[in-house]
PDB file of N, CA and C in Angstrom:
ATOM      1  N   UNK A   1      -5.800 -17.857 -13.000  1.00  0.00           N
ATOM      2  CA  UNK A   1      -6.018 -16.715 -13.868  1.00  0.00           C
ATOM      3  C   UNK A   1      -5.781 -16.044 -15.097  1.00  0.00           C
ATOM      4  N   UNK A   2      -6.245 -14.985 -15.720  1.00  0.00           N
ATOM      5  CA  UNK A   2      -6.639 -14.301 -16.970  1.00  0.00           C
ATOM      6  C   UNK A   2      -5.422 -13.594 -17.520  1.00  0.00           C
ATOM      7  N   UNK A   3      -5.383 -13.675 -18.616  1.00  0.00           N
ATOM      8  CA  UNK A   3      -4.017 -13.307 -18.867  1.00  0.00           C
ATOM      9  C   UNK A   3      -4.276 -11.435 -18.727  1.00  0.00           C
ATOM     10  N   UNK A   4      -3.266 -10.610 -19.236  1.00  0.00           N
ATOM     11  CA  UNK A   4      -3.821  -9.649 -19.431  1.00  0.00           C
ATOM     12  C   UNK A   4      -2.398  -8.235 -18.809  1.00  0.00           C
ATOM     13  N   UNK A   5      -2.973  -7.715 -18.849  1.00  0.00           N
ATOM     14  CA  UNK A   5      -1.731  -6.649 -18.305  1.00  0.00           C
ATOM     15  C   UNK A   5      -2.216  -6.365 -16.359  1.00  0.00           C
ATOM     16  N   UNK A   6      -0.786  -6.027 -16.378  1.00  0.00           N
ATOM     17  CA  UNK A   6      -0.673  -5.567 -14.683  1.00  0.00           C
ATOM     18  C   UNK A   6      -1.950  -5.041 -14.355  1.00  0.00           C
ATOM     19  N   UNK A   7      -2.619  -5.082 -12.764  1.00  0.00           N
ATOM     20  CA  UNK A   7      -3.829  -3.935 -12.876  1.00  0.00           C
ATOM     21  C   UNK A   7      -2.662  -2.745 -11.470  1.00  0.00           C
ATOM     22  N   UNK A   8      -3.806  -1.955 -12.346  1.00  0.00           N
ATOM     23  CA  UNK A   8      -3.090  -0.592 -11.252  1.00  0.00           C
ATOM     24  C   UNK A   8      -4.343  -0.892  -9.843  1.00  0.00           C
ATOM     25  N   UNK A   9      -4.106   0.476  -9.546  1.00  0.00           N
ATOM     26  CA  UNK A   9      -5.113   0.817  -7.934  1.00  0.00           C
ATOM     27  C   UNK A   9      -6.456   1.316  -8.884  1.00  0.00           C
ATOM     28  N   UNK A  10      -6.088   2.513  -9.825  1.00  0.00           N
ATOM     29  CA  UNK A  10      -7.673   2.380 -10.493  1.00  0.00           C
ATOM     30  C   UNK A  10      -8.074   1.836 -11.005  1.00  0.00           C
ATOM     31  N   UNK A  11      -7.699   0.288 -11.898  1.00  0.00           N
ATOM     32  CA  UNK A  11      -8.622  -0.563 -11.832  1.00  0.00           C
ATOM     33  C   UNK A  11      -8.867  -1.688 -11.075  1.00  0.00           C
ATOM     34  N   UNK A  12      -8.548  -1.541 -10.206  1.00  0.00           N
ATOM     35  CA  UNK A  12      -8.733  -2.502  -8.719  1.00  0.00           C
ATOM     36  C   UNK A  12     -10.282  -2.103  -8.085  1.00  0.00           C
ATOM     37  N   UNK A  13      -9.716  -0.359  -8.215  1.00  0.00           N
ATOM     38  CA  UNK A  13     -11.209   0.164  -7.999  1.00  0.00           C
ATOM     39  C   UNK A  13     -12.106   0.198  -8.074  1.00  0.00           C
ATOM     40  N   UNK A  14     -11.477   0.396  -9.804  1.00  0.00           N
ATOM     41  CA  UNK A  14     -13.499  -0.035 -10.479  1.00  0.00           C
ATOM     42  C   UNK A  14     -13.891  -1.400 -10.260  1.00  0.00           C
ATOM     43  N   UNK A  15     -13.334  -2.200 -10.320  1.00  0.00           N
ATOM     44  CA  UNK A  15     -13.225  -3.462 -10.020  1.00  0.00           C
ATOM     45  C   UNK A  15     -14.536  -4.549  -8.782  1.00  0.00           C
ATOM     46  N   UNK A  16     -14.054  -3.531  -8.430  1.00  0.00           N
ATOM     47  CA  UNK A  16     -14.693  -3.557  -6.216  1.00  0.00           C
ATOM     48  C   UNK A  16     -14.879  -4.808  -6.144  1.00  0.00           C
ATOM     49  N   UNK A  17     -15.955  -5.781  -5.467  1.00  0.00           N
ATOM     50  CA  UNK A  17     -15.748  -6.842  -4.785  1.00  0.00           C
ATOM     51  C   UNK A  17     -15.425  -7.668  -6.097  1.00  0.00           C
ATOM     52  N   UNK A  18     -15.460  -9.087  -5.331  1.00  0.00           N
ATOM     53  CA  UNK A  18     -15.161  -9.947  -6.024  1.00  0.00           C
ATOM     54  C   UNK A  18     -13.628 -10.385  -6.960  1.00  0.00           C
ATOM     55  N   UNK A  19     -12.947  -9.538  -6.179  1.00  0.00           N
ATOM     56  CA  UNK A  19     -11.147 -10.339  -6.486  1.00  0.00           C
ATOM     57  C   UNK A  19     -11.036 -11.802  -5.808  1.00  0.00           C
ATOM     58  N   UNK A  20     -10.114 -11.842  -7.001  1.00  0.00           N
ATOM     59  CA  UNK A  20      -9.145 -12.913  -6.596  1.00  0.00           C
ATOM     60  C   UNK A  20      -8.561 -12.594  -5.947  1.00  0.00           C
ATOM     61  N   UNK A  21      -7.633 -14.058  -5.145  1.00  0.00           N
ATOM     62  CA  UNK A  21      -6.948 -13.291  -4.168  1.00  0.00           C
ATOM     63  C   UNK A  21      -5.288 -12.979  -4.707  1.00  0.00           C
ATOM     64  N   UNK A  22      -4.388 -13.310  -5.581  1.00  0.00           N
ATOM     65  CA  UNK A  22      -3.717 -12.889  -6.786  1.00  0.00           C
ATOM     66  C   UNK A  22      -3.977 -10.935  -6.929  1.00  0.00           C
ATOM     67  N   UNK A  23      -5.402 -10.900  -7.053  1.00  0.00           N
ATOM     68  CA  UNK A  23      -5.665 -10.046  -8.038  1.00  0.00           C
ATOM     69  C   UNK A  23      -6.175  -8.744  -6.530  1.00  0.00           C
ATOM     70  N   UNK A  24      -6.388  -9.071  -5.496  1.00  0.00           N
ATOM     71  CA  UNK A  24      -6.629  -9.045  -3.967  1.00  0.00           C
ATOM     72  C   UNK A  24      -5.013  -8.225  -3.573  1.00  0.00           C
ATOM     73  N   UNK A  25      -4.462  -9.200  -3.237  1.00  0.00           N
ATOM     74  CA  UNK A  25      -3.034  -8.669  -3.183  1.00  0.00           C
ATOM     75  C   UNK A  25      -2.285  -8.214  -4.377  1.00  0.00           C
ATOM     76  N   UNK A  26      -2.331  -7.859  -5.442  1.00  0.00           N
ATOM     77  CA  UNK A  26      -1.589  -6.288  -6.444  1.00  0.00           C
ATOM     78  C   UNK A  26      -2.557  -5.849  -5.884  1.00  0.00           C
ATOM     79  N   UNK A  27      -3.387  -6.051  -5.402  1.00  0.00           N
ATOM     80  CA  UNK A  27      -4.422  -3.964  -5.645  1.00  0.00           C
ATOM     81  C   UNK A  27      -3.829  -2.815  -3.710  1.00  0.00           C
ATOM     82  N   UNK A  28      -3.464  -4.533  -2.795  1.00  0.00           N
ATOM     83  CA  UNK A  28      -3.013  -3.988  -1.982  1.00  0.00           C
ATOM     84  C   UNK A  28      -1.771  -2.997  -1.529  1.00  0.00           C
ATOM     85  N   UNK A  29      -0.962  -3.997  -3.058  1.00  0.00           N
ATOM     86  CA  UNK A  29       0.290  -3.806  -2.708  1.00  0.00           C
ATOM     87  C   UNK A  29       1.014  -2.241  -3.586  1.00  0.00           C
ATOM     88  N   UNK A  30      -0.123  -2.021  -3.709  1.00  0.00           N
ATOM     89  CA  UNK A  30       0.127  -0.899  -5.176  1.00  0.00           C
ATOM     90  C   UNK A  30      -0.697   0.322  -3.779  1.00  0.00           C
ATOM     91  N   UNK A  31      -2.073  -0.528  -3.058  1.00  0.00           N
ATOM     92  CA  UNK A  31      -2.149   0.529  -1.980  1.00  0.00           C
ATOM     93  C   UNK A  31      -1.448   1.369  -1.013  1.00  0.00           C
ATOM     94  N   UNK A  32      -0.441   0.400  -0.526  1.00  0.00           N
ATOM     95  CA  UNK A  32       0.635   0.680   0.362  1.00  0.00           C
ATOM     96  C   UNK A  32       1.641   1.106  -0.383  1.00  0.00           C
ATOM     97  N   UNK A  33       1.879   0.728  -1.294  1.00  0.00           N
ATOM     98  CA  UNK A  33       3.034   1.353  -1.908  1.00  0.00           C
ATOM     99  C   UNK A  33       2.377   2.948  -2.427  1.00  0.00           C
ATOM    100  N   UNK A  34       0.956   3.605  -2.318  1.00  0.00           N
ATOM    101  CA  UNK A  34       0.972   4.924  -2.988  1.00  0.00           C
ATOM    102  C   UNK A  34       0.931   4.786  -1.690  1.00  0.00           C
ATOM    103  N   UNK A  35       1.085   5.258  -0.419  1.00  0.00           N
ATOM    104  CA  UNK A  35       1.154   5.607   1.061  1.00  0.00           C
ATOM    105  C   UNK A  35       2.194   5.834   1.020  1.00  0.00           C
ATOM    106  N   UNK A  36       3.175   5.433   0.385  1.00  0.00           N
ATOM    107  CA  UNK A  36       5.121   5.114   0.672  1.00  0.00           C
ATOM    108  C   UNK A  36       5.254   6.477  -0.508  1.00  0.00           C
ATOM    109  N   UNK A  37       4.856   6.661  -1.149  1.00  0.00           N
ATOM    110  CA  UNK A  37       5.677   7.619  -2.130  1.00  0.00           C
ATOM    111  C   UNK A  37       4.429   8.559  -2.072  1.00  0.00           C
ATOM    112  N   UNK A  38       3.215   8.979  -1.265  1.00  0.00           N
ATOM    113  CA  UNK A  38       3.060   9.994  -0.081  1.00  0.00           C
ATOM    114  C   UNK A  38       4.083  11.116   0.872  1.00  0.00           C
ATOM    115  N   UNK A  39       3.771   9.739   1.474  1.00  0.00           N
ATOM    116  CA  UNK A  39       5.007   9.882   3.064  1.00  0.00           C
ATOM    117  C   UNK A  39       6.242  10.809   1.985  1.00  0.00           C
ATOM    118  N   UNK A  40       6.904   9.975   1.267  1.00  0.00           N
ATOM    119  CA  UNK A  40       7.856  10.453   0.257  1.00  0.00           C
ATOM    120  C   UNK A  40       7.938  12.104  -0.054  1.00  0.00           C
ATOM    121  N   UNK A  41       6.842  12.107  -1.248  1.00  0.00           N
ATOM    122  CA  UNK A  41       6.584  13.892  -1.102  1.00  0.00           C
ATOM    123  C   UNK A  41       5.867  14.247  -0.562  1.00  0.00           C
ATOM    124  N   UNK A  42       5.436  13.627   0.731  1.00  0.00           N
ATOM    125  CA  UNK A  42       5.078  15.432   1.874  1.00  0.00           C
ATOM    126  C   UNK A  42       6.100  15.657   2.784  1.00  0.00           C
ATOM    127  N   UNK A  43       7.078  14.814   2.440  1.00  0.00           N
ATOM    128  CA  UNK A  43       8.666  15.301   3.868  1.00  0.00           C
ATOM    129  C   UNK A  43      10.056  15.701   2.220  1.00  0.00           C
ATOM    130  N   UNK A  44       9.263  15.804   0.836  1.00  0.00           N
ATOM    131  CA  UNK A  44      10.035  16.253   0.143  1.00  0.00           C
ATOM    132  C   UNK A  44      11.708  16.074  -0.225  1.00  0.00           C
ATOM    133  N   UNK A  45      11.822  14.616  -0.053  1.00  0.00           N
ATOM    134  CA  UNK A  45      12.608  13.749  -0.173  1.00  0.00           C
ATOM    135  C   UNK A  45      12.888  13.828  -1.352  1.00  0.00           C
ATOM    136  N   UNK A  46      14.129  13.503  -1.692  1.00  0.00           N
ATOM    137  CA  UNK A  46      14.943  13.437  -2.552  1.00  0.00           C
ATOM    138  C   UNK A  46      14.470  11.349  -2.881  1.00  0.00           C
ATOM    139  N   UNK A  47      14.964  11.222  -3.851  1.00  0.00           N
ATOM    140  CA  UNK A  47      15.146   9.908  -4.554  1.00  0.00           C
ATOM    141  C   UNK A  47      16.428   8.988  -3.166  1.00  0.00           C
ATOM    142  N   UNK A  48      17.672  10.092  -3.780  1.00  0.00           N
ATOM    143  CA  UNK A  48      18.406   9.896  -2.997  1.00  0.00           C
ATOM    144  C   UNK A  48      18.643   9.639  -1.839  1.00  0.00           C
ATOM    145  N   UNK A  49      17.809  10.717  -0.459  1.00  0.00           N
ATOM    146  CA  UNK A  49      17.211  10.817   0.256  1.00  0.00           C
ATOM    147  C   UNK A  49      16.615   9.294   0.716  1.00  0.00           C
ATOM    148  N   UNK A  50      15.417   9.388   0.000  1.00  0.00           N
ATOM    149  CA  UNK A  50      14.362   8.719   0.904  1.00  0.00           C
ATOM    150  C   UNK A  50      14.767   7.343   0.347  1.00  0.00           C
ATOM    151  N   UNK A  51      15.949   6.362  -0.713  1.00  0.00           N
ATOM    152  CA  UNK A  51      16.743   5.161  -0.554  1.00  0.00           C
ATOM    153  C   UNK A  51      17.297   5.204   0.950  1.00  0.00           C
ATOM    154  N   UNK A  52      18.591   6.210   0.919  1.00  0.00           N
ATOM    155  CA  UNK A  52      19.131   5.833   2.276  1.00  0.00           C
ATOM    156  C   UNK A  52      18.041   6.273   3.738  1.00  0.00           C
ATOM    157  N   UNK A  53      16.540   6.564   3.651  1.00  0.00           N
ATOM    158  CA  UNK A  53      15.949   6.457   4.580  1.00  0.00           C
ATOM    159  C   UNK A  53      15.515   4.932   4.529  1.00  0.00           C
ATOM    160  N   UNK A  54      15.433   4.559   3.743  1.00  0.00           N
ATOM    161  CA  UNK A  54      14.050   3.086   3.462  1.00  0.00           C
ATOM    162  C   UNK A  54      15.207   1.661   3.185  1.00  0.00           C
ATOM    163  N   UNK A  55      16.232   1.857   3.130  1.00  0.00           N
ATOM    164  CA  UNK A  55      18.029   0.809   3.293  1.00  0.00           C
ATOM    165  C   UNK A  55      17.369   0.327   1.766  1.00  0.00           C
ATOM    166  N   UNK A  56      17.427   1.066   1.025  1.00  0.00           N
ATOM    167  CA  UNK A  56      17.218   1.051  -0.741  1.00  0.00           C
ATOM    168  C   UNK A  56      17.978   1.039  -1.643  1.00  0.00           C
ATOM    169  N   UNK A  57      18.212   1.017  -2.814  1.00  0.00           N
ATOM    170  CA  UNK A  57      19.331   2.258  -3.753  1.00  0.00           C
ATOM    171  C   UNK A  57      17.925   2.849  -4.443  1.00  0.00           C
ATOM    172  N   UNK A  58      18.671   3.916  -4.610  1.00  0.00           N
ATOM    173  CA  UNK A  58      17.711   5.259  -5.675  1.00  0.00           C
ATOM    174  C   UNK A  58      16.696   4.172  -7.122  1.00  0.00           C
ATOM    175  N   UNK A  59      17.579   3.565  -7.608  1.00  0.00           N
ATOM    176  CA  UNK A  59      17.107   2.876  -8.558  1.00  0.00           C
ATOM    177  C   UNK A  59      15.984   2.356  -7.796  1.00  0.00           C
ATOM    178  N   UNK A  60      16.420   1.412  -7.058  1.00  0.00           N
ATOM    179  CA  UNK A  60      14.049   0.610  -5.948  1.00  0.00           C
ATOM    180  C   UNK A  60      13.263   1.685  -5.652  1.00  0.00           C
ATOM    181  N   UNK A  61      14.180   2.886  -5.192  1.00  0.00           N
ATOM    182  CA  UNK A  61      13.096   4.145  -5.099  1.00  0.00           C
ATOM    183  C   UNK A  61      12.329   4.582  -6.963  1.00  0.00           C
ATOM    184  N   UNK A  62      13.107   4.658  -7.309  1.00  0.00           N
ATOM    185  CA  UNK A  62      12.725   4.825  -8.716  1.00  0.00           C
ATOM    186  C   UNK A  62      11.266   3.367  -8.956  1.00  0.00           C
ATOM    187  N   UNK A  63      11.538   2.840  -8.803  1.00  0.00           N
ATOM    188  CA  UNK A  63      10.743   1.370  -9.025  1.00  0.00           C
ATOM    189  C   UNK A  63       9.473   1.945  -8.971  1.00  0.00           C
ATOM    190  N   UNK A  64      10.045   1.957  -7.450  1.00  0.00           N
ATOM    191  CA  UNK A  64       8.838   2.116  -6.166  1.00  0.00           C
ATOM    192  C   UNK A  64       7.910   3.443  -6.566  1.00  0.00           C
ATOM    193  N   UNK A  65       8.380   4.090  -6.489  1.00  0.00           N
ATOM    194  CA  UNK A  65       7.112   5.499  -6.822  1.00  0.00           C
ATOM    195  C   UNK A  65       6.462   5.684  -8.672  1.00  0.00           C
ATOM    196  N   UNK A  66       7.125   4.858  -9.237  1.00  0.00           N
ATOM    197  CA  UNK A  66       6.383   4.909 -10.539  1.00  0.00           C
ATOM    198  C   UNK A  66       5.777   3.124 -10.979  1.00  0.00           C
ATOM    199  N   UNK A  67       5.137   2.370  -9.569  1.00  0.00           N
ATOM    200  CA  UNK A  67       4.004   1.361  -9.492  1.00  0.00           C
ATOM    201  C   UNK A  67       5.011   0.255  -9.724  1.00  0.00           C
ATOM    202  N   UNK A  68       6.109   0.320  -9.934  1.00  0.00           N
ATOM    203  CA  UNK A  68       6.692  -1.189 -10.449  1.00  0.00           C
ATOM    204  C   UNK A  68       7.089  -2.108  -9.162  1.00  0.00           C
ATOM    205  N   UNK A  69       6.451  -2.937  -8.912  1.00  0.00           N
ATOM    206  CA  UNK A  69       6.313  -3.415  -7.196  1.00  0.00           C
ATOM    207  C   UNK A  69       5.973  -4.956  -7.181  1.00  0.00           C
ATOM    208  N   UNK A  70       7.563  -5.332  -8.455  1.00  0.00           N
ATOM    209  CA  UNK A  70       7.760  -6.827  -8.675  1.00  0.00           C
ATOM    210  C   UNK A  70       8.452  -7.334  -7.750  1.00  0.00           C
ATOM    211  N   UNK A  71       9.193  -6.178  -7.318  1.00  0.00           N
ATOM    212  CA  UNK A  71      10.577  -7.067  -6.346  1.00  0.00           C
ATOM    213  C   UNK A  71      10.145  -6.209  -5.134  1.00  0.00           C
ATOM    214  N   UNK A  72       9.037  -5.994  -4.263  1.00  0.00           N
ATOM    215  CA  UNK A  72       8.670  -5.707  -3.289  1.00  0.00           C
ATOM    216  C   UNK A  72       7.274  -6.541  -2.700  1.00  0.00           C
ATOM    217  N   UNK A  73       7.541  -6.970  -1.823  1.00  0.00           N
ATOM    218  CA  UNK A  73       6.730  -7.612  -1.134  1.00  0.00           C
ATOM    219  C   UNK A  73       6.328  -6.663   0.082  1.00  0.00           C
ATOM    220  N   UNK A  74       4.758  -7.870   0.739  1.00  0.00           N
ATOM    221  CA  UNK A  74       4.015  -6.550   1.267  1.00  0.00           C
ATOM    222  C   UNK A  74       4.489  -6.608   2.841  1.00  0.00           C
ATOM    223  N   UNK A  75       5.103  -7.963   3.372  1.00  0.00           N
ATOM    224  CA  UNK A  75       6.448  -6.784   3.907  1.00  0.00           C
ATOM    225  C   UNK A  75       7.437  -6.175   4.078  1.00  0.00           C
ATOM    226  N   UNK A  76       7.981  -6.233   3.107  1.00  0.00           N
ATOM    227  CA  UNK A  76       8.907  -5.094   2.928  1.00  0.00           C
ATOM    228  C   UNK A  76       8.161  -3.471   2.933  1.00  0.00           C
ATOM    229  N   UNK A  77       7.654  -3.568   2.012  1.00  0.00           N
ATOM    230  CA  UNK A  77       6.837  -2.349   1.871  1.00  0.00           C
ATOM    231  C   UNK A  77       6.274  -1.900   3.276  1.00  0.00           C
ATOM    232  N   UNK A  78       5.833  -3.297   3.667  1.00  0.00           N
ATOM    233  CA  UNK A  78       4.900  -2.670   6.078  1.00  0.00           C
ATOM    234  C   UNK A  78       6.517  -1.786   5.922  1.00  0.00           C
ATOM    235  N   UNK A  79       7.629  -2.949   5.400  1.00  0.00           N
ATOM    236  CA  UNK A  79       9.180  -1.571   6.566  1.00  0.00           C
ATOM    237  C   UNK A  79       9.385  -0.768   6.144  1.00  0.00           C
ATOM    238  N   UNK A  80       9.227  -0.496   4.746  1.00  0.00           N
ATOM    239  CA  UNK A  80      10.089   1.026   4.243  1.00  0.00           C
ATOM    240  C   UNK A  80       8.874   1.703   5.034  1.00  0.00           C
ATOM    241  N   UNK A  81       7.610   1.450   5.051  1.00  0.00           N
ATOM    242  CA  UNK A  81       6.246   2.741   6.540  1.00  0.00           C
ATOM    243  C   UNK A  81       6.689   2.576   7.260  1.00  0.00           C
ATOM    244  N   UNK A  82       6.973   1.663   8.561  1.00  0.00           N
ATOM    245  CA  UNK A  82       8.362   2.001   9.608  1.00  0.00           C
ATOM    246  C   UNK A  82       8.987   2.996   9.782  1.00  0.00           C
ATOM    247  N   UNK A  83       9.265   2.713   8.703  1.00  0.00           N
ATOM    248  CA  UNK A  83      10.613   4.132   8.189  1.00  0.00           C
ATOM    249  C   UNK A  83      10.730   5.033   7.603  1.00  0.00           C
ATOM    250  N   UNK A  84       9.510   5.562   7.640  1.00  0.00           N
ATOM    251  CA  UNK A  84       8.751   6.551   7.023  1.00  0.00           C
ATOM    252  C   UNK A  84       7.922   7.176   8.637  1.00  0.00           C
ATOM    253  N   UNK A  85       8.201   6.138  10.015  1.00  0.00           N
ATOM    254  CA  UNK A  85       7.429   7.047  10.982  1.00  0.00           C
ATOM    255  C   UNK A  85       5.714   6.336  10.790  1.00  0.00           C
ATOM    256  N   UNK A  86       5.518   5.665   9.860  1.00  0.00           N
ATOM    257  CA  UNK A  86       4.339   5.214   9.787  1.00  0.00           C
ATOM    258  C   UNK A  86       3.902   3.788  10.586  1.00  0.00           C
ATOM    259  N   UNK A  87       2.755   3.549  11.170  1.00  0.00           N
ATOM    260  CA  UNK A  87       2.432   2.473  11.876  1.00  0.00           C
ATOM    261  C   UNK A  87       1.813   1.975  11.177  1.00  0.00           C
ATOM    262  N   UNK A  88       2.406   0.165  11.594  1.00  0.00           N
ATOM    263  CA  UNK A  88       0.995  -0.338  10.593  1.00  0.00           C
ATOM    264  C   UNK A  88       0.559  -1.569  11.858  1.00  0.00           C
ATOM    265  N   UNK A  89      -0.436  -1.520  11.733  1.00  0.00           N
ATOM    266  CA  UNK A  89      -1.369  -2.339  11.899  1.00  0.00           C
ATOM    267  C   UNK A  89      -2.568  -3.899  11.452  1.00  0.00           C
ATOM    268  N   UNK A  90      -1.709  -5.179  12.323  1.00  0.00           N
ATOM    269  CA  UNK A  90      -2.491  -6.545  11.283  1.00  0.00           C
ATOM    270  C   UNK A  90      -3.765  -6.778  12.202  1.00  0.00           C
ATOM    271  N   UNK A  91      -4.852  -6.463  12.254  1.00  0.00           N
ATOM    272  CA  UNK A  91      -6.051  -7.186  12.899  1.00  0.00           C
ATOM    273  C   UNK A  91      -7.085  -8.186  12.162  1.00  0.00           C
ATOM    274  N   UNK A  92      -6.377  -9.065  12.641  1.00  0.00           N
ATOM    275  CA  UNK A  92      -7.874 -10.937  12.848  1.00  0.00           C
ATOM    276  C   UNK A  92      -8.933 -10.914  13.886  1.00  0.00           C
ATOM    277  N   UNK A  93      -9.931 -11.194  13.131  1.00  0.00           N
ATOM    278  CA  UNK A  93     -11.208 -11.374  14.047  1.00  0.00           C
ATOM    279  C   UNK A  93     -12.169 -11.553  12.497  1.00  0.00           C
ATOM    280  N   UNK A  94     -13.559 -12.699  12.955  1.00  0.00           N
ATOM    281  CA  UNK A  94     -13.875 -13.029  12.620  1.00  0.00           C
ATOM    282  C   UNK A  94     -15.200 -11.867  11.056  1.00  0.00           C
ATOM    283  N   UNK A  95     -15.700 -13.116  10.403  1.00  0.00           N
ATOM    284  CA  UNK A  95     -15.988 -12.502   9.195  1.00  0.00           C
ATOM    285  C   UNK A  95     -17.148 -11.956   9.424  1.00  0.00           C
ATOM    286  N   UNK A  96     -17.279 -10.430   8.756  1.00  0.00           N
ATOM    287  CA  UNK A  96     -18.790  -9.746   9.554  1.00  0.00           C
ATOM    288  C   UNK A  96     -19.934 -10.749   8.313  1.00  0.00           C
ATOM    289  N   UNK A  97     -20.584 -11.258   9.299  1.00  0.00           N
ATOM    290  CA  UNK A  97     -22.070 -11.527   8.849  1.00  0.00           C
ATOM    291  C   UNK A  97     -22.397 -11.327   7.841  1.00  0.00           C
ATOM    292  N   UNK A  98     -22.842  -9.602   6.972  1.00  0.00           N
ATOM    293  CA  UNK A  98     -23.199  -9.386   6.147  1.00  0.00           C
ATOM    294  C   UNK A  98     -22.131 -10.240   4.779  1.00  0.00           C
ATOM    295  N   UNK A  99     -21.063  -9.895   5.279  1.00  0.00           N
ATOM    296  CA  UNK A  99     -20.119 -10.305   4.654  1.00  0.00           C
ATOM    297  C   UNK A  99     -20.277 -12.344   3.690  1.00  0.00           C
ATOM    298  N   UNK A 100     -20.299 -12.575   3.006  1.00  0.00           N
ATOM    299  CA  UNK A 100     -20.027 -13.792   2.000  1.00  0.00           C
ATOM    300  C   UNK A 100     -19.250 -14.545   2.089  1.00  0.00           C
ATOM    301  N   UNK A 101     -17.576 -13.860   1.515  1.00  0.00           N
ATOM    302  CA  UNK A 101     -16.529 -14.667   2.055  1.00  0.00           C
ATOM    303  C   UNK A 101     -15.442 -13.763   3.146  1.00  0.00           C
ATOM    304  N   UNK A 102     -14.361 -14.074   3.516  1.00  0.00           N
ATOM    305  CA  UNK A 102     -13.464 -13.774   4.788  1.00  0.00           C
ATOM    306  C   UNK A 102     -12.521 -12.364   3.278  1.00  0.00           C
ATOM    307  N   UNK A 103     -12.281 -11.512   3.609  1.00  0.00           N
ATOM    308  CA  UNK A 103     -11.322 -11.622   2.721  1.00  0.00           C
ATOM    309  C   UNK A 103     -10.365 -10.429   3.504  1.00  0.00           C
ATOM    310  N   UNK A 104      -9.750  -9.353   2.725  1.00  0.00           N
ATOM    311  CA  UNK A 104      -8.459  -9.035   3.795  1.00  0.00           C
ATOM    312  C   UNK A 104      -8.529  -7.470   3.346  1.00  0.00           C
ATOM    313  N   UNK A 105      -8.176  -6.861   3.916  1.00  0.00           N
ATOM    314  CA  UNK A 105      -8.321  -5.183   3.566  1.00  0.00           C
ATOM    315  C   UNK A 105      -7.417  -4.587   4.304  1.00  0.00           C
ATOM    316  N   UNK A 106      -6.915  -3.359   3.407  1.00  0.00           N
ATOM    317  CA  UNK A 106      -6.036  -2.465   4.199  1.00  0.00           C
ATOM    318  C   UNK A 106      -6.474  -0.895   4.113  1.00  0.00           C
ATOM    319  N   UNK A 107      -6.444  -0.455   5.191  1.00  0.00           N
ATOM    320  CA  UNK A 107      -6.695   0.781   5.126  1.00  0.00           C
ATOM    321  C   UNK A 107      -6.035   2.341   5.493  1.00  0.00           C
ATOM    322  N   UNK A 108      -6.361   3.430   5.685  1.00  0.00           N
ATOM    323  CA  UNK A 108      -5.228   4.735   5.973  1.00  0.00           C
ATOM    324  C   UNK A 108      -6.046   4.798   7.021  1.00  0.00           C
ATOM    325  N   UNK A 109      -4.962   5.040   8.421  1.00  0.00           N
ATOM    326  CA  UNK A 109      -5.587   6.215   9.623  1.00  0.00           C
ATOM    327  C   UNK A 109      -5.339   7.098   9.791  1.00  0.00           C
ATOM    328  N   UNK A 110      -5.940   8.032   9.365  1.00  0.00           N
ATOM    329  CA  UNK A 110      -5.994   9.497   9.377  1.00  0.00           C
ATOM    330  C   UNK A 110      -5.720   9.624   8.227  1.00  0.00           C
ATOM    331  N   UNK A 111      -5.048  10.446   8.203  1.00  0.00           N
ATOM    332  CA  UNK A 111      -4.150  11.556   6.520  1.00  0.00           C
ATOM    333  C   UNK A 111      -2.645  11.573   7.243  1.00  0.00           C
ATOM    334  N   UNK A 112      -1.776  11.277   6.421  1.00  0.00           N
ATOM    335  CA  UNK A 112      -0.185  11.583   6.676  1.00  0.00           C
ATOM    336  C   UNK A 112      -0.353  13.354   7.156  1.00  0.00           C
ATOM    337  N   UNK A 113      -1.675  13.945   6.297  1.00  0.00           N
ATOM    338  CA  UNK A 113      -1.388  15.769   6.843  1.00  0.00           C
ATOM    339  C   UNK A 113      -2.194  16.017   8.299  1.00  0.00           C
ATOM    340  N   UNK A 114      -3.345  14.968   8.418  1.00  0.00           N
ATOM    341  CA  UNK A 114      -3.757  15.143   9.555  1.00  0.00           C
ATOM    342  C   UNK A 114      -3.380  14.864  11.309  1.00  0.00           C
ATOM    343  N   UNK A 115      -4.243  15.470  11.810  1.00  0.00           N
ATOM    344  CA  UNK A 115      -3.472  14.743  13.262  1.00  0.00           C
ATOM    345  C   UNK A 115      -4.028  13.394  13.128  1.00  0.00           C
ATOM    346  N   UNK A 116      -2.901  12.334  13.957  1.00  0.00           N
ATOM    347  CA  UNK A 116      -3.321  11.426  14.700  1.00  0.00           C
ATOM    348  C   UNK A 116      -4.830  11.356  15.796  1.00  0.00           C
ATOM    349  N   UNK A 117      -5.561  10.244  14.892  1.00  0.00           N
ATOM    350  CA  UNK A 117      -6.718  10.362  15.784  1.00  0.00           C
ATOM    351  C   UNK A 117      -8.508  10.373  14.889  1.00  0.00           C
ATOM    352  N   UNK A 118      -7.333  10.693  13.557  1.00  0.00           N
ATOM    353  CA  UNK A 118      -8.785  11.357  12.503  1.00  0.00           C
ATOM    354  C   UNK A 118      -9.105  10.266  12.093  1.00  0.00           C
ATOM    355  N   UNK A 119     -10.226   9.753  11.390  1.00  0.00           N
ATOM    356  CA  UNK A 119     -11.402   9.234  11.453  1.00  0.00           C
ATOM    357  C   UNK A 119     -10.962   7.713  10.567  1.00  0.00           C
ATOM    358  N   UNK A 120     -11.125   6.428  10.122  1.00  0.00           N
ATOM    359  CA  UNK A 120     -10.437   5.394   9.199  1.00  0.00           C
ATOM    360  C   UNK A 120     -11.526   5.591   7.453  1.00  0.00           C
ATOM    361  N   UNK A 121     -10.586   5.489   6.860  1.00  0.00           N
ATOM    362  CA  UNK A 121     -11.214   6.365   5.686  1.00  0.00           C
ATOM    363  C   UNK A 121     -10.323   4.765   4.800  1.00  0.00           C
ATOM    364  N   UNK A 122     -11.047   3.827   4.094  1.00  0.00           N
ATOM    365  CA  UNK A 122     -10.136   2.899   3.086  1.00  0.00           C
ATOM    366  C   UNK A 122      -9.549   3.547   1.864  1.00  0.00           C
ATOM    367  N   UNK A 123      -8.204   2.973   1.504  1.00  0.00           N
ATOM    368  CA  UNK A 123      -7.872   3.553   0.556  1.00  0.00           C
ATOM    369  C   UNK A 123      -7.867   3.249  -0.919  1.00  0.00           C
TER     370      UNK A 123
END
């Protein structure tokens, strides 16, 4: 893996396809964190209230909203999303023929401010 600064969601988006597995995982973590931050903001939760709801400390919420994700596994962030009444779905299927190799993607179904059932869009 190449040396350099940690990737953020904007850089991952700019890099596009061809990311290594580590970079994909980092990008996915940042995308989940963005959904968590957005849910906290849209619910007008203080960091203390969000910490209580997520079962973590206020300093952990601070790290989460600032994008310091080193201590947060994907599974842990999925539990945070569940605590925020967000459904997490994992789908497995064959690789599309148009793709050179199989990958992993994260999608937000609808948006936090629109009714359920709206169209899928990639984060």
